[in-house]
């Protein structure tokens, strides 16, 4: 499996775990199990992306930045949390940063 596929799976499981954490703190405590399992799976998948050859700076940068952006959008959709124009600008900056990290790794 390509390192980027492991990385994409790590991002999706991390975002899912974070959304489960939000559900858990609103009174649905069973979601803590999903949260723990999701974070464990995410770290495992991130380590597999590194083992597949992705540089740490690239993998971690993409993982964290994409996770932040996706979590902000998903929390808007799932929990109705605010997503302001300023936050949208921040997401655009995150996307630009991820692109620069990726391009810089191949320069």
PDB file of N, CA and C in Angstrom:
ATOM      1  N   UNK A   1       0.850  -1.182   0.000  1.00  0.00           N
ATOM      2  CA  UNK A   1       0.000   0.000   0.000  1.00  0.00           C
ATOM      3  C   UNK A   1       0.892   1.241   0.000  1.00  0.00           C
ATOM      4  N   UNK A   2       0.540   2.175  -0.779  1.00  0.00           N
ATOM      5  CA  UNK A   2       1.259   3.434  -0.898  1.00  0.00           C
ATOM      6  C   UNK A   2       1.216   4.200   0.428  1.00  0.00           C
ATOM      7  N   UNK A   3       2.319   4.878   0.756  1.00  0.00           N
ATOM      8  CA  UNK A   3       2.377   5.662   1.986  1.00  0.00           C
ATOM      9  C   UNK A   3       1.285   6.712   2.069  1.00  0.00           C
ATOM     10  N   UNK A   4       0.910   7.284   0.927  1.00  0.00           N
ATOM     11  CA  UNK A   4      -0.133   8.303   0.925  1.00  0.00           C
ATOM     12  C   UNK A   4      -1.513   7.709   1.237  1.00  0.00           C
ATOM     13  N   UNK A   5      -1.742   6.463   0.882  1.00  0.00           N
ATOM     14  CA  UNK A   5      -3.008   5.821   1.236  1.00  0.00           C
ATOM     15  C   UNK A   5      -3.079   5.597   2.747  1.00  0.00           C
ATOM     16  N   UNK A   6      -1.961   5.157   3.342  1.00  0.00           N
ATOM     17  CA  UNK A   6      -1.906   5.029   4.798  1.00  0.00           C
ATOM     18  C   UNK A   6      -2.139   6.388   5.452  1.00  0.00           C
ATOM     19  N   UNK A   7      -1.543   7.417   4.890  1.00  0.00           N
ATOM     20  CA  UNK A   7      -1.679   8.759   5.447  1.00  0.00           C
ATOM     21  C   UNK A   7      -3.132   9.236   5.359  1.00  0.00           C
ATOM     22  N   UNK A   8      -3.786   9.006   4.233  1.00  0.00           N
ATOM     23  CA  UNK A   8      -5.190   9.398   4.084  1.00  0.00           C
ATOM     24  C   UNK A   8      -6.062   8.666   5.102  1.00  0.00           C
ATOM     25  N   UNK A   9      -5.798   7.391   5.298  1.00  0.00           N
ATOM     26  CA  UNK A   9      -6.561   6.628   6.291  1.00  0.00           C
ATOM     27  C   UNK A   9      -6.286   7.144   7.701  1.00  0.00           C
ATOM     28  N   UNK A  10      -5.036   7.524   7.974  1.00  0.00           N
ATOM     29  CA  UNK A  10      -4.690   8.085   9.281  1.00  0.00           C
ATOM     30  C   UNK A  10      -5.440   9.380   9.531  1.00  0.00           C
ATOM     31  N   UNK A  11      -5.526  10.206   8.510  1.00  0.00           N
ATOM     32  CA  UNK A  11      -6.246  11.486   8.643  1.00  0.00           C
ATOM     33  C   UNK A  11      -7.727  11.241   8.905  1.00  0.00           C
ATOM     34  N   UNK A  12      -8.335  10.365   8.146  1.00  0.00           N
ATOM     35  CA  UNK A  12      -9.771  10.096   8.309  1.00  0.00           C
ATOM     36  C   UNK A  12     -10.085   9.495   9.675  1.00  0.00           C
ATOM     37  N   UNK A  13      -9.235   8.594  10.161  1.00  0.00           N
ATOM     38  CA  UNK A  13      -9.488   8.015  11.480  1.00  0.00           C
ATOM     39  C   UNK A  13      -9.260   9.040  12.588  1.00  0.00           C
ATOM     40  N   UNK A  14      -8.297   9.924  12.415  1.00  0.00           N
ATOM     41  CA  UNK A  14      -8.048  10.963  13.421  1.00  0.00           C
ATOM     42  C   UNK A  14      -9.214  11.941  13.481  1.00  0.00           C
ATOM     43  N   UNK A  15      -9.726  12.350  12.333  1.00  0.00           N
ATOM     44  CA  UNK A  15     -10.872  13.255  12.298  1.00  0.00           C
ATOM     45  C   UNK A  15     -12.094  12.568  12.907  1.00  0.00           C
ATOM     46  N   UNK A  16     -12.305  11.315  12.583  1.00  0.00           N
ATOM     47  CA  UNK A  16     -13.433  10.570  13.156  1.00  0.00           C
ATOM     48  C   UNK A  16     -13.312  10.474  14.672  1.00  0.00           C
ATOM     49  N   UNK A  17     -12.100  10.218  15.155  1.00  0.00           N
ATOM     50  CA  UNK A  17     -11.875  10.130  16.600  1.00  0.00           C
ATOM     51  C   UNK A  17     -12.148  11.469  17.274  1.00  0.00           C
ATOM     52  N   UNK A  18     -11.750  12.549  16.645  1.00  0.00           N
ATOM     53  CA  UNK A  18     -11.982  13.870  17.220  1.00  0.00           C
ATOM     54  C   UNK A  18     -13.465  14.201  17.251  1.00  0.00           C
ATOM     55  N   UNK A  19     -14.190  13.844  16.216  1.00  0.00           N
ATOM     56  CA  UNK A  19     -15.641  14.047  16.209  1.00  0.00           C
ATOM     57  C   UNK A  19     -16.303  13.176  17.277  1.00  0.00           C
ATOM     58  N   UNK A  20     -15.809  11.961  17.463  1.00  0.00           N
ATOM     59  CA  UNK A  20     -16.335  11.087  18.515  1.00  0.00           C
ATOM     60  C   UNK A  20     -16.062  11.681  19.893  1.00  0.00           C
ATOM     61  N   UNK A  21     -14.919  12.327  20.048  1.00  0.00           N
ATOM     62  CA  UNK A  21     -14.601  12.979  21.317  1.00  0.00           C
ATOM     63  C   UNK A  21     -15.610  14.078  21.614  1.00  0.00           C
ATOM     64  N   UNK A  22     -15.962  14.840  20.604  1.00  0.00           N
ATOM     65  CA  UNK A  22     -16.969  15.906  20.772  1.00  0.00           C
ATOM     66  C   UNK A  22     -18.302  15.305  21.196  1.00  0.00           C
ATOM     67  N   UNK A  23     -18.675  14.188  20.596  1.00  0.00           N
ATOM     68  CA  UNK A  23     -19.918  13.513  20.976  1.00  0.00           C
ATOM     69  C   UNK A  23     -19.835  12.988  22.409  1.00  0.00           C
ATOM     70  N   UNK A  24     -18.676  12.482  22.799  1.00  0.00           N
ATOM     71  CA  UNK A  24     -18.508  11.920  24.145  1.00  0.00           C
ATOM     72  C   UNK A  24     -18.647  12.977  25.229  1.00  0.00           C
ATOM     73  N   UNK A  25     -18.112  14.162  24.998  1.00  0.00           N
ATOM     74  CA  UNK A  25     -18.157  15.190  26.041  1.00  0.00           C
ATOM     75  C   UNK A  25     -19.540  15.838  26.161  1.00  0.00           C
ATOM     76  N   UNK A  26     -20.426  15.548  25.229  1.00  0.00           N
ATOM     77  CA  UNK A  26     -21.786  16.090  25.325  1.00  0.00           C
ATOM     78  C   UNK A  26     -22.728  15.098  26.001  1.00  0.00           C
ATOM     79  N   UNK A  27     -22.168  14.103  26.659  1.00  0.00           N
ATOM     80  CA  UNK A  27     -22.986  13.197  27.452  1.00  0.00           C
ATOM     81  C   UNK A  27     -23.094  11.779  26.943  1.00  0.00           C
ATOM     82  N   UNK A  28     -22.599  11.508  25.780  1.00  0.00           N
ATOM     83  CA  UNK A  28     -22.665  10.156  25.231  1.00  0.00           C
ATOM     84  C   UNK A  28     -21.319   9.470  25.460  1.00  0.00           C
ATOM     85  N   UNK A  29     -21.088   9.043  26.683  1.00  0.00           N
ATOM     86  CA  UNK A  29     -19.780   8.567  27.130  1.00  0.00           C
ATOM     87  C   UNK A  29     -19.270   7.332  26.377  1.00  0.00           C
ATOM     88  N   UNK A  30     -20.140   6.556  25.792  1.00  0.00           N
ATOM     89  CA  UNK A  30     -19.704   5.377  25.032  1.00  0.00           C
ATOM     90  C   UNK A  30     -18.805   5.777  23.863  1.00  0.00           C
ATOM     91  N   UNK A  31     -18.905   7.027  23.406  1.00  0.00           N
ATOM     92  CA  UNK A  31     -18.079   7.504  22.297  1.00  0.00           C
ATOM     93  C   UNK A  31     -16.608   7.590  22.678  1.00  0.00           C
ATOM     94  N   UNK A  32     -16.284   7.556  23.988  1.00  0.00           N
ATOM     95  CA  UNK A  32     -14.871   7.551  24.387  1.00  0.00           C
ATOM     96  C   UNK A  32     -14.143   6.311  23.859  1.00  0.00           C
ATOM     97  N   UNK A  33     -14.857   5.203  23.745  1.00  0.00           N
ATOM     98  CA  UNK A  33     -14.264   3.983  23.192  1.00  0.00           C
ATOM     99  C   UNK A  33     -13.898   4.205  21.730  1.00  0.00           C
ATOM    100  N   UNK A  34     -14.803   4.809  20.983  1.00  0.00           N
ATOM    101  CA  UNK A  34     -14.544   5.117  19.572  1.00  0.00           C
ATOM    102  C   UNK A  34     -13.375   6.099  19.464  1.00  0.00           C
ATOM    103  N   UNK A  35     -13.343   7.069  20.354  1.00  0.00           N
ATOM    104  CA  UNK A  35     -12.263   8.060  20.347  1.00  0.00           C
ATOM    105  C   UNK A  35     -10.908   7.384  20.539  1.00  0.00           C
ATOM    106  N   UNK A  36     -10.799   6.559  21.576  1.00  0.00           N
ATOM    107  CA  UNK A  36      -9.530   5.882  21.851  1.00  0.00           C
ATOM    108  C   UNK A  36      -9.104   4.969  20.711  1.00  0.00           C
ATOM    109  N   UNK A  37     -10.045   4.207  20.203  1.00  0.00           N
ATOM    110  CA  UNK A  37      -9.734   3.300  19.088  1.00  0.00           C
ATOM    111  C   UNK A  37      -9.331   4.080  17.848  1.00  0.00           C
ATOM    112  N   UNK A  38     -10.000   5.193  17.602  1.00  0.00           N
ATOM    113  CA  UNK A  38      -9.680   6.007  16.426  1.00  0.00           C
ATOM    114  C   UNK A  38      -8.290   6.619  16.504  1.00  0.00           C
ATOM    115  N   UNK A  39      -7.940   7.153  17.679  1.00  0.00           N
ATOM    116  CA  UNK A  39      -6.603   7.732  17.824  1.00  0.00           C
ATOM    117  C   UNK A  39      -5.518   6.659  17.721  1.00  0.00           C
ATOM    118  N   UNK A  40      -5.770   5.492  18.301  1.00  0.00           N
ATOM    119  CA  UNK A  40      -4.805   4.393  18.190  1.00  0.00           C
ATOM    120  C   UNK A  40      -4.640   3.966  16.732  1.00  0.00           C
ATOM    121  N   UNK A  41      -5.742   3.828  16.020  1.00  0.00           N
ATOM    122  CA  UNK A  41      -5.678   3.456  14.605  1.00  0.00           C
ATOM    123  C   UNK A  41      -4.967   4.535  13.797  1.00  0.00           C
ATOM    124  N   UNK A  42      -5.240   5.784  14.102  1.00  0.00           N
ATOM    125  CA  UNK A  42      -4.611   6.882  13.366  1.00  0.00           C
ATOM    126  C   UNK A  42      -3.096   6.871  13.536  1.00  0.00           C
ATOM    127  N   UNK A  43      -2.638   6.697  14.774  1.00  0.00           N
ATOM    128  CA  UNK A  43      -1.190   6.654  15.015  1.00  0.00           C
ATOM    129  C   UNK A  43      -0.547   5.457  14.325  1.00  0.00           C
ATOM    130  N   UNK A  44      -1.249   4.334  14.353  1.00  0.00           N
ATOM    131  CA  UNK A  44      -0.726   3.140  13.679  1.00  0.00           C
ATOM    132  C   UNK A  44      -0.609   3.377  12.178  1.00  0.00           C
ATOM    133  N   UNK A  45      -1.645   3.957  11.592  1.00  0.00           N
ATOM    134  CA  UNK A  45      -1.618   4.235  10.150  1.00  0.00           C
ATOM    135  C   UNK A  45      -0.572   5.287   9.797  1.00  0.00           C
ATOM    136  N   UNK A  46      -0.392   6.284  10.663  1.00  0.00           N
ATOM    137  CA  UNK A  46       0.652   7.287  10.430  1.00  0.00           C
ATOM    138  C   UNK A  46       2.025   6.624  10.448  1.00  0.00           C
ATOM    139  N   UNK A  47       2.246   5.718  11.392  1.00  0.00           N
ATOM    140  CA  UNK A  47       3.537   5.033  11.433  1.00  0.00           C
ATOM    141  C   UNK A  47       3.743   4.157  10.205  1.00  0.00           C
ATOM    142  N   UNK A  48       2.665   3.576   9.689  1.00  0.00           N
ATOM    143  CA  UNK A  48       2.782   2.777   8.463  1.00  0.00           C
ATOM    144  C   UNK A  48       3.117   3.655   7.260  1.00  0.00           C
ATOM    145  N   UNK A  49       2.606   4.882   7.251  1.00  0.00           N
ATOM    146  CA  UNK A  49       2.952   5.783   6.147  1.00  0.00           C
ATOM    147  C   UNK A  49       4.440   6.138   6.210  1.00  0.00           C
ATOM    148  N   UNK A  50       4.971   6.283   7.420  1.00  0.00           N
ATOM    149  CA  UNK A  50       6.408   6.547   7.563  1.00  0.00           C
ATOM    150  C   UNK A  50       7.217   5.327   7.134  1.00  0.00           C
ATOM    151  N   UNK A  51       6.759   4.145   7.530  1.00  0.00           N
ATOM    152  CA  UNK A  51       7.458   2.911   7.147  1.00  0.00           C
ATOM    153  C   UNK A  51       7.433   2.703   5.636  1.00  0.00           C
ATOM    154  N   UNK A  52       6.406   3.236   4.975  1.00  0.00           N
ATOM    155  CA  UNK A  52       6.299   3.123   3.517  1.00  0.00           C
ATOM    156  C   UNK A  52       7.184   4.127   2.792  1.00  0.00           C
ATOM    157  N   UNK A  53       7.859   4.997   3.555  1.00  0.00           N
ATOM    158  CA  UNK A  53       8.837   5.879   2.932  1.00  0.00           C
ATOM    159  C   UNK A  53       8.524   7.357   2.935  1.00  0.00           C
ATOM    160  N   UNK A  54       7.372   7.759   3.471  1.00  0.00           N
ATOM    161  CA  UNK A  54       7.088   9.200   3.514  1.00  0.00           C
ATOM    162  C   UNK A  54       8.007   9.860   4.543  1.00  0.00           C
ATOM    163  N   UNK A  55       8.564  11.008   4.206  1.00  0.00           N
ATOM    164  CA  UNK A  55       9.381  11.735   5.189  1.00  0.00           C
ATOM    165  C   UNK A  55       8.507  12.213   6.355  1.00  0.00           C
ATOM    166  N   UNK A  56       9.077  12.234   7.540  1.00  0.00           N
ATOM    167  CA  UNK A  56       8.329  12.615   8.739  1.00  0.00           C
ATOM    168  C   UNK A  56       7.727  14.008   8.624  1.00  0.00           C
ATOM    169  N   UNK A  57       8.504  14.982   8.160  1.00  0.00           N
ATOM    170  CA  UNK A  57       8.008  16.352   8.054  1.00  0.00           C
ATOM    171  C   UNK A  57       6.824  16.467   7.118  1.00  0.00           C
ATOM    172  N   UNK A  58       6.858  15.740   6.040  1.00  0.00           N
ATOM    173  CA  UNK A  58       5.763  15.756   5.068  1.00  0.00           C
ATOM    174  C   UNK A  58       4.540  15.051   5.650  1.00  0.00           C
ATOM    175  N   UNK A  59       4.727  13.829   6.152  1.00  0.00           N
ATOM    176  CA  UNK A  59       3.597  13.052   6.663  1.00  0.00           C
ATOM    177  C   UNK A  59       2.935  13.756   7.845  1.00  0.00           C
ATOM    178  N   UNK A  60       3.729  14.209   8.795  1.00  0.00           N
ATOM    179  CA  UNK A  60       3.153  14.839   9.984  1.00  0.00           C
ATOM    180  C   UNK A  60       2.506  16.174   9.635  1.00  0.00           C
ATOM    181  N   UNK A  61       3.141  16.940   8.768  1.00  0.00           N
ATOM    182  CA  UNK A  61       2.581  18.217   8.357  1.00  0.00           C
ATOM    183  C   UNK A  61       1.238  18.053   7.671  1.00  0.00           C
ATOM    184  N   UNK A  62       1.164  17.138   6.749  1.00  0.00           N
ATOM    185  CA  UNK A  62      -0.093  16.893   6.035  1.00  0.00           C
ATOM    186  C   UNK A  62      -1.142  16.339   6.988  1.00  0.00           C
ATOM    187  N   UNK A  63      -0.743  15.411   7.857  1.00  0.00           N
ATOM    188  CA  UNK A  63      -1.665  14.779   8.802  1.00  0.00           C
ATOM    189  C   UNK A  63      -2.297  15.816   9.729  1.00  0.00           C
ATOM    190  N   UNK A  64      -1.490  16.661  10.314  1.00  0.00           N
ATOM    191  CA  UNK A  64      -2.029  17.637  11.260  1.00  0.00           C
ATOM    192  C   UNK A  64      -2.839  18.723  10.553  1.00  0.00           C
ATOM    193  N   UNK A  65      -2.300  19.266   9.486  1.00  0.00           N
ATOM    194  CA  UNK A  65      -2.972  20.380   8.808  1.00  0.00           C
ATOM    195  C   UNK A  65      -4.296  19.939   8.196  1.00  0.00           C
ATOM    196  N   UNK A  66      -4.285  18.821   7.524  1.00  0.00           N
ATOM    197  CA  UNK A  66      -5.506  18.336   6.898  1.00  0.00           C
ATOM    198  C   UNK A  66      -6.528  17.939   7.959  1.00  0.00           C
ATOM    199  N   UNK A  67      -6.036  17.356   9.042  1.00  0.00           N
ATOM    200  CA  UNK A  67      -6.930  16.985  10.135  1.00  0.00           C
ATOM    201  C   UNK A  67      -7.634  18.192  10.731  1.00  0.00           C
ATOM    202  N   UNK A  68      -6.892  19.278  10.934  1.00  0.00           N
ATOM    203  CA  UNK A  68      -7.483  20.500  11.473  1.00  0.00           C
ATOM    204  C   UNK A  68      -8.561  21.033  10.530  1.00  0.00           C
ATOM    205  N   UNK A  69      -8.242  21.118   9.257  1.00  0.00           N
ATOM    206  CA  UNK A  69      -9.193  21.664   8.284  1.00  0.00           C
ATOM    207  C   UNK A  69     -10.435  20.790   8.167  1.00  0.00           C
ATOM    208  N   UNK A  70     -10.260  19.501   8.042  1.00  0.00           N
ATOM    209  CA  UNK A  70     -11.408  18.603   7.916  1.00  0.00           C
ATOM    210  C   UNK A  70     -12.259  18.585   9.182  1.00  0.00           C
ATOM    211  N   UNK A  71     -11.614  18.663  10.340  1.00  0.00           N
ATOM    212  CA  UNK A  71     -12.363  18.679  11.594  1.00  0.00           C
ATOM    213  C   UNK A  71     -13.216  19.934  11.703  1.00  0.00           C
ATOM    214  N   UNK A  72     -12.685  21.063  11.285  1.00  0.00           N
ATOM    215  CA  UNK A  72     -13.460  22.308  11.325  1.00  0.00           C
ATOM    216  C   UNK A  72     -14.693  22.216  10.433  1.00  0.00           C
ATOM    217  N   UNK A  73     -14.525  21.686   9.244  1.00  0.00           N
ATOM    218  CA  UNK A  73     -15.653  21.562   8.312  1.00  0.00           C
ATOM    219  C   UNK A  73     -16.651  20.513   8.818  1.00  0.00           C
ATOM    220  N   UNK A  74     -16.134  19.380   9.261  1.00  0.00           N
ATOM    221  CA  UNK A  74     -17.018  18.308   9.734  1.00  0.00           C
ATOM    222  C   UNK A  74     -17.784  18.718  10.991  1.00  0.00           C
ATOM    223  N   UNK A  75     -17.143  19.472  11.879  1.00  0.00           N
ATOM    224  CA  UNK A  75     -17.846  19.897  13.091  1.00  0.00           C
ATOM    225  C   UNK A  75     -18.983  20.862  12.749  1.00  0.00           C
ATOM    226  N   UNK A  76     -18.826  21.591  11.679  1.00  0.00           N
ATOM    227  CA  UNK A  76     -19.900  22.461  11.196  1.00  0.00           C
ATOM    228  C   UNK A  76     -21.071  21.614  10.706  1.00  0.00           C
ATOM    229  N   UNK A  77     -20.751  20.596   9.915  1.00  0.00           N
ATOM    230  CA  UNK A  77     -21.783  19.743   9.327  1.00  0.00           C
ATOM    231  C   UNK A  77     -22.460  18.850  10.356  1.00  0.00           C
ATOM    232  N   UNK A  78     -21.687  18.282  11.269  1.00  0.00           N
ATOM    233  CA  UNK A  78     -22.216  17.298  12.207  1.00  0.00           C
ATOM    234  C   UNK A  78     -22.818  17.946  13.447  1.00  0.00           C
ATOM    235  N   UNK A  79     -22.140  18.965  13.986  1.00  0.00           N
ATOM    236  CA  UNK A  79     -22.559  19.552  15.258  1.00  0.00           C
ATOM    237  C   UNK A  79     -23.105  20.972  15.132  1.00  0.00           C
ATOM    238  N   UNK A  80     -23.101  21.522  13.934  1.00  0.00           N
ATOM    239  CA  UNK A  80     -23.608  22.873  13.740  1.00  0.00           C
ATOM    240  C   UNK A  80     -22.732  23.947  14.364  1.00  0.00           C
ATOM    241  N   UNK A  81     -21.448  23.649  14.549  1.00  0.00           N
ATOM    242  CA  UNK A  81     -20.535  24.632  15.121  1.00  0.00           C
ATOM    243  C   UNK A  81     -20.211  25.703  14.085  1.00  0.00           C
ATOM    244  N   UNK A  82     -19.784  26.862  14.527  1.00  0.00           N
ATOM    245  CA  UNK A  82     -19.535  27.954  13.574  1.00  0.00           C
ATOM    246  C   UNK A  82     -18.361  27.660  12.633  1.00  0.00           C
ATOM    247  N   UNK A  83     -18.504  28.161  11.423  1.00  0.00           N
ATOM    248  CA  UNK A  83     -17.421  28.138  10.433  1.00  0.00           C
ATOM    249  C   UNK A  83     -17.469  29.506   9.756  1.00  0.00           C
ATOM    250  N   UNK A  84     -16.707  30.427  10.308  1.00  0.00           N
ATOM    251  CA  UNK A  84     -16.744  31.822   9.876  1.00  0.00           C
ATOM    252  C   UNK A  84     -15.876  32.048   8.644  1.00  0.00           C
ATOM    253  N   UNK A  85     -16.050  33.169   7.973  1.00  0.00           N
ATOM    254  CA  UNK A  85     -15.168  33.484   6.846  1.00  0.00           C
ATOM    255  C   UNK A  85     -13.686  33.517   7.255  1.00  0.00           C
ATOM    256  N   UNK A  86     -13.397  33.997   8.457  1.00  0.00           N
ATOM    257  CA  UNK A  86     -12.010  34.002   8.903  1.00  0.00           C
ATOM    258  C   UNK A  86     -11.475  32.577   9.051  1.00  0.00           C
ATOM    259  N   UNK A  87     -12.313  31.687   9.552  1.00  0.00           N
ATOM    260  CA  UNK A  87     -11.916  30.290   9.659  1.00  0.00           C
ATOM    261  C   UNK A  87     -11.697  29.689   8.271  1.00  0.00           C
ATOM    262  N   UNK A  88     -12.548  30.062   7.318  1.00  0.00           N
ATOM    263  CA  UNK A  88     -12.363  29.613   5.937  1.00  0.00           C
ATOM    264  C   UNK A  88     -11.044  30.092   5.367  1.00  0.00           C
ATOM    265  N   UNK A  89     -10.680  31.346   5.686  1.00  0.00           N
ATOM    266  CA  UNK A  89      -9.372  31.849   5.267  1.00  0.00           C
ATOM    267  C   UNK A  89      -8.241  31.052   5.888  1.00  0.00           C
ATOM    268  N   UNK A  90      -8.419  30.669   7.144  1.00  0.00           N
ATOM    269  CA  UNK A  90      -7.405  29.839   7.799  1.00  0.00           C
ATOM    270  C   UNK A  90      -7.271  28.479   7.139  1.00  0.00           C
ATOM    271  N   UNK A  91      -8.398  27.901   6.741  1.00  0.00           N
ATOM    272  CA  UNK A  91      -8.367  26.620   6.033  1.00  0.00           C
ATOM    273  C   UNK A  91      -7.657  26.766   4.698  1.00  0.00           C
ATOM    274  N   UNK A  92      -7.879  27.880   4.009  1.00  0.00           N
ATOM    275  CA  UNK A  92      -7.165  28.132   2.738  1.00  0.00           C
ATOM    276  C   UNK A  92      -5.662  28.246   2.988  1.00  0.00           C
ATOM    277  N   UNK A  93      -5.278  28.909   4.066  1.00  0.00           N
ATOM    278  CA  UNK A  93      -3.851  29.009   4.398  1.00  0.00           C
ATOM    279  C   UNK A  93      -3.267  27.634   4.742  1.00  0.00           C
ATOM    280  N   UNK A  94      -4.041  26.828   5.443  1.00  0.00           N
ATOM    281  CA  UNK A  94      -3.588  25.470   5.759  1.00  0.00           C
ATOM    282  C   UNK A  94      -3.363  24.688   4.474  1.00  0.00           C
ATOM    283  N   UNK A  95      -4.319  24.772   3.543  1.00  0.00           N
ATOM    284  CA  UNK A  95      -4.181  24.055   2.270  1.00  0.00           C
ATOM    285  C   UNK A  95      -2.942  24.529   1.516  1.00  0.00           C
ATOM    286  N   UNK A  96      -2.690  25.831   1.547  1.00  0.00           N
ATOM    287  CA  UNK A  96      -1.487  26.365   0.890  1.00  0.00           C
ATOM    288  C   UNK A  96      -0.227  25.843   1.556  1.00  0.00           C
ATOM    289  N   UNK A  97      -0.240  25.797   2.876  1.00  0.00           N
ATOM    290  CA  UNK A  97       0.916  25.292   3.605  1.00  0.00           C
ATOM    291  C   UNK A  97       1.191  23.830   3.306  1.00  0.00           C
ATOM    292  N   UNK A  98       0.140  23.023   3.247  1.00  0.00           N
ATOM    293  CA  UNK A  98       0.300  21.602   2.929  1.00  0.00           C
ATOM    294  C   UNK A  98       0.882  21.452   1.529  1.00  0.00           C
ATOM    295  N   UNK A  99       0.401  22.238   0.590  1.00  0.00           N
ATOM    296  CA  UNK A  99       0.921  22.193  -0.777  1.00  0.00           C
ATOM    297  C   UNK A  99       2.403  22.558  -0.808  1.00  0.00           C
ATOM    298  N   UNK A 100       2.778  23.603  -0.080  1.00  0.00           N
ATOM    299  CA  UNK A 100       4.185  24.011  -0.046  1.00  0.00           C
ATOM    300  C   UNK A 100       5.075  22.949   0.594  1.00  0.00           C
ATOM    301  N   UNK A 101       4.582  22.285   1.634  1.00  0.00           N
ATOM    302  CA  UNK A 101       5.350  21.218   2.262  1.00  0.00           C
ATOM    303  C   UNK A 101       5.577  20.091   1.267  1.00  0.00           C
ATOM    304  N   UNK A 102       4.519  19.719   0.579  1.00  0.00           N
ATOM    305  CA  UNK A 102       4.630  18.632  -0.406  1.00  0.00           C
ATOM    306  C   UNK A 102       5.566  19.003  -1.546  1.00  0.00           C
ATOM    307  N   UNK A 103       5.422  20.197  -2.076  1.00  0.00           N
ATOM    308  CA  UNK A 103       6.297  20.626  -3.178  1.00  0.00           C
ATOM    309  C   UNK A 103       7.736  20.756  -2.710  1.00  0.00           C
ATOM    310  N   UNK A 104       7.923  21.247  -1.488  1.00  0.00           N
ATOM    311  CA  UNK A 104       9.265  21.392  -0.948  1.00  0.00           C
ATOM    312  C   UNK A 104       9.983  20.072  -0.745  1.00  0.00           C
ATOM    313  N   UNK A 105       9.213  19.009  -0.495  1.00  0.00           N
ATOM    314  CA  UNK A 105       9.816  17.687  -0.309  1.00  0.00           C
ATOM    315  C   UNK A 105      10.373  17.148  -1.606  1.00  0.00           C
ATOM    316  N   UNK A 106       9.905  17.656  -2.726  1.00  0.00           N
ATOM    317  CA  UNK A 106      10.353  17.156  -4.034  1.00  0.00           C
ATOM    318  C   UNK A 106      11.261  18.134  -4.763  1.00  0.00           C
ATOM    319  N   UNK A 107      11.605  19.221  -4.087  1.00  0.00           N
ATOM    320  CA  UNK A 107      12.449  20.234  -4.740  1.00  0.00           C
ATOM    321  C   UNK A 107      13.916  19.882  -4.679  1.00  0.00           C
TER     322      UNK A 107
END
